[in-house]
Amino acid sequence: MKVRFTKMHGAGNDFVVIDNVRQNLDLSASQIRRLANRQRGIGCDQVLIVGPPDSPDADFRYHIFNADGSEAGQCGNGARCFARFVREQRLSLKPKLRVQAPNGLMQLDTANDGRILAEMGIPIFTPSAVPFDTDKEQLEYTLTVSDTSLAMGVLSMGNPHAVIIVENVQTAPVASLGETIEGHPKFTDRVNVGFMQILSRDEIKLRVFERGAGETLACGTGACAAVVHGIRKNLLNNAVTVHLPGGKLSITWEGNGTAAWLSGPTASVFEGTINLHNR
């Protein structure tokens, strides 16, 4: 089976994007893993499937798959690449799109200067909805990991996030600690783990260990989660620049009950076709 694809990235967070409007594909988890494999496939953090909507309120529908073949509920950088993709492929030239993501409808706006802003939804703090196994909702939780007690914010941005404030992201044990926390039994659907260094009330540094993908160069929902947690702790202002290994993202959040917004760079890298074994 031949599959046409576009390779894209947002601040280094890279994607294989597949047009399922003009193709008719039903990819298995093993085929997703093959696409994402950096040695034997194309290589990416996530695979994005662009399809027609099944709701009259939406322009498109998209699915997000992690490199391990599991499906994700949301992806901020992927959503912004999605908006660029549908314009470049001339599937739509509308400056504002309503898109069905796995966790609900979201808005994508293309500014006059080409920047793409993604409405990331209202942050969710109810533990059972994250999901996170605990007795009561708190601003911060203490989790014992490898005999060490860690304070972290826990919330959902359409997918689950744990946010840890560190003194220096460069020396933070992102790989080892991220993997351990990702699979901690209190996170019943695994979790993305962000390590945040606060530079000022308007700037942070961030590294994110994404569930199903490992550490990535950037994570849009992770950037939103970190900024939201910092604002709730009164450490950050409502508009924050996030420095990630792959580049800068901008996050705004006006507080409880409002949606977080994400903006930053996107790029198309190349197009091609790949042969996949059936299923």
Protein backbone atom coordinates (compact mmCIF):
# COMPACT_ATOMS: atom_id res chain seq x y z
CA MET A 1 0.00 0.00 0.00
CA LYS A 2 1.40 3.39 -1.04
CA VAL A 3 0.79 6.29 1.35
CA ARG A 4 1.33 9.94 0.43
CA PHE A 5 2.59 12.11 3.28
CA THR A 6 4.04 15.49 4.22
CA LYS A 7 6.78 15.88 6.83
CA MET A 8 6.28 18.99 9.00
CA HIS A 9 7.46 20.46 12.28
CA GLY A 10 6.52 23.11 14.81
CA ALA A 11 9.56 24.34 16.76
CA GLY A 12 11.22 20.99 16.09
CA ASN A 13 8.24 18.90 17.24
CA ASP A 14 7.97 16.83 14.05
CA PHE A 15 5.04 15.15 12.35
CA VAL A 16 4.09 12.93 9.45
CA VAL A 17 0.86 14.44 8.13
CA ILE A 18 -1.45 12.32 5.97
CA ASP A 19 -4.27 13.66 3.83
CA ASN A 20 -7.20 11.33 4.40
CA VAL A 21 -9.58 13.63 2.55
CA ARG A 22 -8.20 12.65 -0.86
CA GLN A 23 -6.94 9.24 0.29
CA ASN A 24 -8.95 6.56 2.05
CA LEU A 25 -6.72 4.94 4.66
CA ASP A 26 -7.28 3.03 7.89
CA LEU A 27 -3.83 2.66 9.39
CA SER A 28 -3.07 0.12 12.10
CA ALA A 29 -0.91 0.76 15.17
CA SER A 30 1.95 -1.22 13.59
CA GLN A 31 1.74 0.91 10.44
CA ILE A 32 1.83 4.08 12.56
CA ARG A 33 4.93 2.77 14.34
CA ARG A 34 6.55 2.07 10.95
CA LEU A 35 5.86 5.62 9.75
CA ALA A 36 7.27 7.10 12.96
CA ASN A 37 10.39 4.92 13.05
CA ARG A 38 13.44 7.09 12.44
CA GLN A 39 15.56 4.20 11.15
CA ARG A 40 13.12 2.18 9.00
CA GLY A 41 10.34 4.68 8.29
CA ILE A 42 10.01 8.43 7.90
CA GLY A 43 10.54 9.40 11.53
CA CYS A 44 8.41 11.68 13.71
CA ASP A 45 7.08 12.36 17.18
CA GLN A 46 3.45 12.00 16.06
CA VAL A 47 1.45 11.00 12.98
CA LEU A 48 -1.46 13.31 12.09
CA ILE A 49 -4.39 12.10 9.99
CA VAL A 50 -6.40 14.87 8.28
CA GLY A 51 -9.94 13.79 7.39
CA PRO A 52 -13.41 15.12 6.60
CA PRO A 53 -15.59 16.10 9.56
CA ASP A 54 -18.58 14.14 10.81
CA SER A 55 -20.06 17.26 12.44
CA PRO A 56 -21.67 20.22 10.63
CA ASP A 57 -19.86 22.55 13.06
CA ALA A 58 -16.38 21.51 11.89
CA ASP A 59 -14.28 22.02 8.76
CA PHE A 60 -12.06 18.96 9.29
CA ARG A 61 -11.40 16.11 11.67
CA TYR A 62 -7.98 14.94 12.74
CA HIS A 63 -6.46 12.09 14.67
CA ILE A 64 -3.14 12.18 16.50
CA PHE A 65 -1.02 9.08 16.98
CA ASN A 66 2.12 8.88 19.11
CA ALA A 67 5.26 7.22 17.80
CA ASP A 68 4.39 4.02 19.70
CA GLY A 69 1.04 3.74 17.84
CA SER A 70 -1.16 4.94 20.72
CA GLU A 71 -3.71 7.69 20.07
CA ALA A 72 -3.38 11.10 21.74
CA GLY A 73 -6.19 13.46 22.70
CA GLN A 74 -4.52 16.71 21.66
CA CYS A 75 -1.32 18.13 20.18
CA GLY A 76 -0.79 21.88 20.03
CA ASN A 77 2.11 22.00 17.58
CA GLY A 78 0.39 19.33 15.51
CA ALA A 79 -2.78 21.42 15.35
CA ARG A 80 -0.84 24.42 14.07
CA CYS A 81 0.91 22.26 11.46
CA PHE A 82 -2.53 20.90 10.57
CA ALA A 83 -3.75 24.44 9.76
CA ARG A 84 -0.69 25.12 7.60
CA PHE A 85 -1.11 21.77 5.85
CA VAL A 86 -4.72 22.31 4.78
CA ARG A 87 -3.81 25.75 3.37
CA GLU A 88 -0.73 24.52 1.51
CA GLN A 89 -2.65 21.54 0.14
CA ARG A 90 -5.51 23.91 -0.78
CA LEU A 91 -8.00 21.84 1.15
CA SER A 92 -9.18 25.13 2.67
CA LEU A 93 -8.07 28.77 2.48
CA LYS A 94 -10.26 29.93 5.37
CA PRO A 95 -8.30 32.04 7.93
CA LYS A 96 -10.32 30.51 10.78
CA LEU A 97 -10.93 26.77 11.01
CA ARG A 98 -13.04 24.68 13.37
CA VAL A 99 -11.47 21.26 13.73
CA GLN A 100 -12.66 18.07 15.42
CA ALA A 101 -9.80 16.83 17.60
CA PRO A 102 -10.17 13.66 19.69
CA ASN A 103 -10.98 15.75 22.78
CA GLY A 104 -13.45 18.11 21.08
CA LEU A 105 -13.75 21.09 18.73
CA MET A 106 -10.88 23.57 18.54
CA GLN A 107 -10.30 26.81 16.63
CA LEU A 108 -7.22 27.50 14.49
CA ASP A 109 -6.55 31.07 13.29
CA THR A 110 -4.07 32.07 10.60
CA ALA A 111 -2.82 35.63 11.17
CA ASN A 112 -1.90 38.05 8.38
CA ASP A 113 1.79 37.50 9.08
CA GLY A 114 1.38 33.71 8.62
CA ARG A 115 1.50 32.81 12.31
CA ILE A 116 -0.98 30.16 13.35
CA LEU A 117 -2.76 30.42 16.69
CA ALA A 118 -4.39 27.40 18.23
CA GLU A 119 -7.16 27.53 20.82
CA MET A 120 -6.07 24.79 23.19
CA GLY A 121 -9.21 24.64 25.30
CA ILE A 122 -9.95 25.26 28.97
CA PRO A 123 -7.44 23.54 31.29
CA ILE A 124 -8.90 20.73 33.38
CA PHE A 125 -7.81 20.32 37.00
CA THR A 126 -10.33 17.73 38.26
CA PRO A 127 -8.10 14.71 39.03
CA SER A 128 -10.50 12.07 37.73
CA ALA A 129 -10.72 13.90 34.39
CA VAL A 130 -6.93 14.15 33.92
CA PRO A 131 -6.91 11.18 34.88
CA PHE A 132 -4.93 11.18 38.15
CA ASP A 133 -5.63 8.92 41.13
CA THR A 134 -5.90 11.07 44.26
CA ASP A 135 -8.41 11.87 47.00
CA LYS A 136 -8.91 15.60 46.38
CA GLU A 137 -8.01 18.38 43.96
CA GLN A 138 -4.98 20.48 44.93
CA LEU A 139 -2.84 23.18 43.33
CA GLU A 140 0.17 20.89 43.66
CA TYR A 141 0.66 17.25 44.55
CA THR A 142 3.52 15.35 46.13
CA LEU A 143 4.47 12.16 44.32
CA THR A 144 7.04 9.67 45.55
CA VAL A 145 9.27 8.56 42.69
CA SER A 146 12.33 6.35 43.26
CA ASP A 147 12.25 7.18 46.99
CA THR A 148 12.19 10.92 46.23
CA SER A 149 9.22 13.21 46.96
CA LEU A 150 8.44 15.53 44.06
CA ALA A 151 6.00 18.46 43.98
CA MET A 152 4.14 18.80 40.70
CA GLY A 153 1.15 20.42 39.10
CA VAL A 154 -1.26 17.99 37.43
CA LEU A 155 -3.76 19.01 34.76
CA SER A 156 -5.17 18.11 31.38
CA MET A 157 -4.83 20.16 28.20
CA GLY A 158 -6.79 17.55 26.27
CA ASN A 159 -4.08 15.11 27.36
CA PRO A 160 -2.59 14.59 30.84
CA HIS A 161 0.38 16.63 32.09
CA ALA A 162 2.57 16.73 35.17
CA VAL A 163 4.64 19.90 35.62
CA ILE A 164 7.75 20.00 37.80
CA ILE A 165 9.56 23.28 38.56
CA VAL A 166 13.36 22.87 38.44
CA GLU A 167 16.31 25.20 38.95
CA ASN A 168 18.01 24.23 35.68
CA VAL A 169 16.34 22.35 32.82
CA GLN A 170 19.71 21.52 31.27
CA THR A 171 20.71 19.34 34.21
CA ALA A 172 17.23 17.96 35.00
CA PRO A 173 17.02 14.14 34.65
CA VAL A 174 14.37 14.38 31.94
CA ALA A 175 14.92 10.96 30.35
CA SER A 176 15.08 8.83 33.51
CA LEU A 177 12.60 10.75 35.66
CA GLY A 178 10.26 11.43 32.75
CA GLU A 179 9.97 7.76 31.89
CA THR A 180 9.37 6.78 35.52
CA ILE A 181 6.66 9.41 36.06
CA GLU A 182 5.03 8.70 32.67
CA GLY A 183 4.18 5.18 33.81
CA HIS A 184 3.50 5.91 37.50
CA PRO A 185 0.39 4.00 38.65
CA LYS A 186 -1.33 7.20 39.84
CA PHE A 187 -1.49 8.31 36.20
CA THR A 188 -3.90 5.68 34.97
CA ASP A 189 -3.55 6.66 31.28
CA ARG A 190 0.15 7.59 31.54
CA VAL A 191 1.23 11.25 31.51
CA ASN A 192 3.38 13.84 29.73
CA VAL A 193 6.04 15.24 32.06
CA GLY A 194 7.24 18.85 31.84
CA PHE A 195 10.36 20.24 33.52
CA MET A 196 10.03 24.04 33.85
CA GLN A 197 12.69 26.60 34.74
CA ILE A 198 11.27 30.07 35.43
CA LEU A 199 13.44 32.87 34.02
CA SER A 200 11.06 35.77 34.76
CA ARG A 201 7.34 36.39 35.00
CA ASP A 202 7.25 36.48 31.19
CA GLU A 203 9.69 33.72 30.21
CA ILE A 204 10.39 30.09 31.01
CA LYS A 205 12.57 27.28 29.74
CA LEU A 206 10.92 23.90 29.30
CA ARG A 207 11.74 20.31 28.41
CA VAL A 208 8.97 17.74 27.98
CA PHE A 209 8.99 13.95 28.10
CA GLU A 210 5.94 12.99 26.06
CA ARG A 211 4.06 9.76 26.70
CA GLY A 212 4.53 7.38 23.82
CA ALA A 213 7.30 9.48 22.25
CA GLY A 214 9.98 10.28 24.84
CA GLU A 215 11.59 13.72 25.05
CA THR A 216 10.67 15.92 22.08
CA LEU A 217 12.14 19.20 20.87
CA ALA A 218 8.85 20.97 21.62
CA CYS A 219 5.41 20.17 23.01
CA GLY A 220 2.54 22.61 22.54
CA THR A 221 0.19 21.18 25.15
CA GLY A 222 3.16 20.78 27.49
CA ALA A 223 4.02 24.46 27.07
CA CYS A 224 0.40 25.38 27.82
CA ALA A 225 0.31 23.13 30.89
CA ALA A 226 3.55 24.59 32.27
CA VAL A 227 2.42 28.19 31.80
CA VAL A 228 -1.02 27.51 33.27
CA HIS A 229 0.56 25.91 36.34
CA GLY A 230 2.99 28.82 36.72
CA ILE A 231 0.13 31.35 36.49
CA ARG A 232 -1.91 29.45 39.07
CA LYS A 233 1.07 29.60 41.44
CA ASN A 234 1.34 33.37 40.77
CA LEU A 235 4.81 32.94 39.33
CA LEU A 236 3.97 33.99 35.76
CA ASN A 237 2.00 36.67 33.92
CA ASN A 238 -0.83 35.89 31.51
CA ALA A 239 1.38 35.97 28.38
CA VAL A 240 4.58 33.93 28.46
CA THR A 241 7.38 33.04 26.03
CA VAL A 242 8.40 29.40 26.34
CA HIS A 243 11.92 28.41 25.28
CA LEU A 244 12.10 24.76 24.26
CA PRO A 245 15.03 22.84 22.73
CA GLY A 246 13.45 23.25 19.27
CA GLY A 247 12.49 26.93 19.47
CA LYS A 248 10.09 29.42 21.04
CA LEU A 249 6.36 29.20 21.62
CA SER A 250 4.00 31.87 22.95
CA ILE A 251 1.23 31.02 25.42
CA THR A 252 -1.56 33.21 26.74
CA TRP A 253 -4.07 32.28 29.45
CA GLU A 254 -6.43 34.67 31.22
CA GLY A 255 -7.27 32.39 34.12
CA ASN A 256 -9.83 29.83 35.28
CA GLY A 257 -12.68 29.16 32.88
CA THR A 258 -10.84 30.53 29.83
CA ALA A 259 -9.03 28.74 27.01
CA ALA A 260 -5.25 28.78 26.61
CA TRP A 261 -3.89 29.95 23.24
CA LEU A 262 -0.69 28.77 21.58
CA SER A 263 1.31 30.34 18.75
CA GLY A 264 4.72 29.70 17.24
CA PRO A 265 6.58 28.65 14.08
CA THR A 266 5.55 25.89 11.66
CA ALA A 267 7.27 24.53 8.58
CA SER A 268 6.77 21.95 5.84
CA VAL A 269 9.94 19.95 5.30
CA PHE A 270 9.26 17.57 2.41
CA GLU A 271 6.60 15.43 0.71
CA GLY A 272 6.79 11.84 -0.46
CA THR A 273 5.26 8.39 -0.61
CA ILE A 274 6.05 5.30 1.42
CA ASN A 275 5.13 1.65 0.90
CA LEU A 276 3.47 0.08 3.94
CA HIS A 277 2.64 -3.59 4.44
CA ASN A 278 -1.09 -4.11 4.79
CA ARG A 279 -2.01 -3.87 8.49
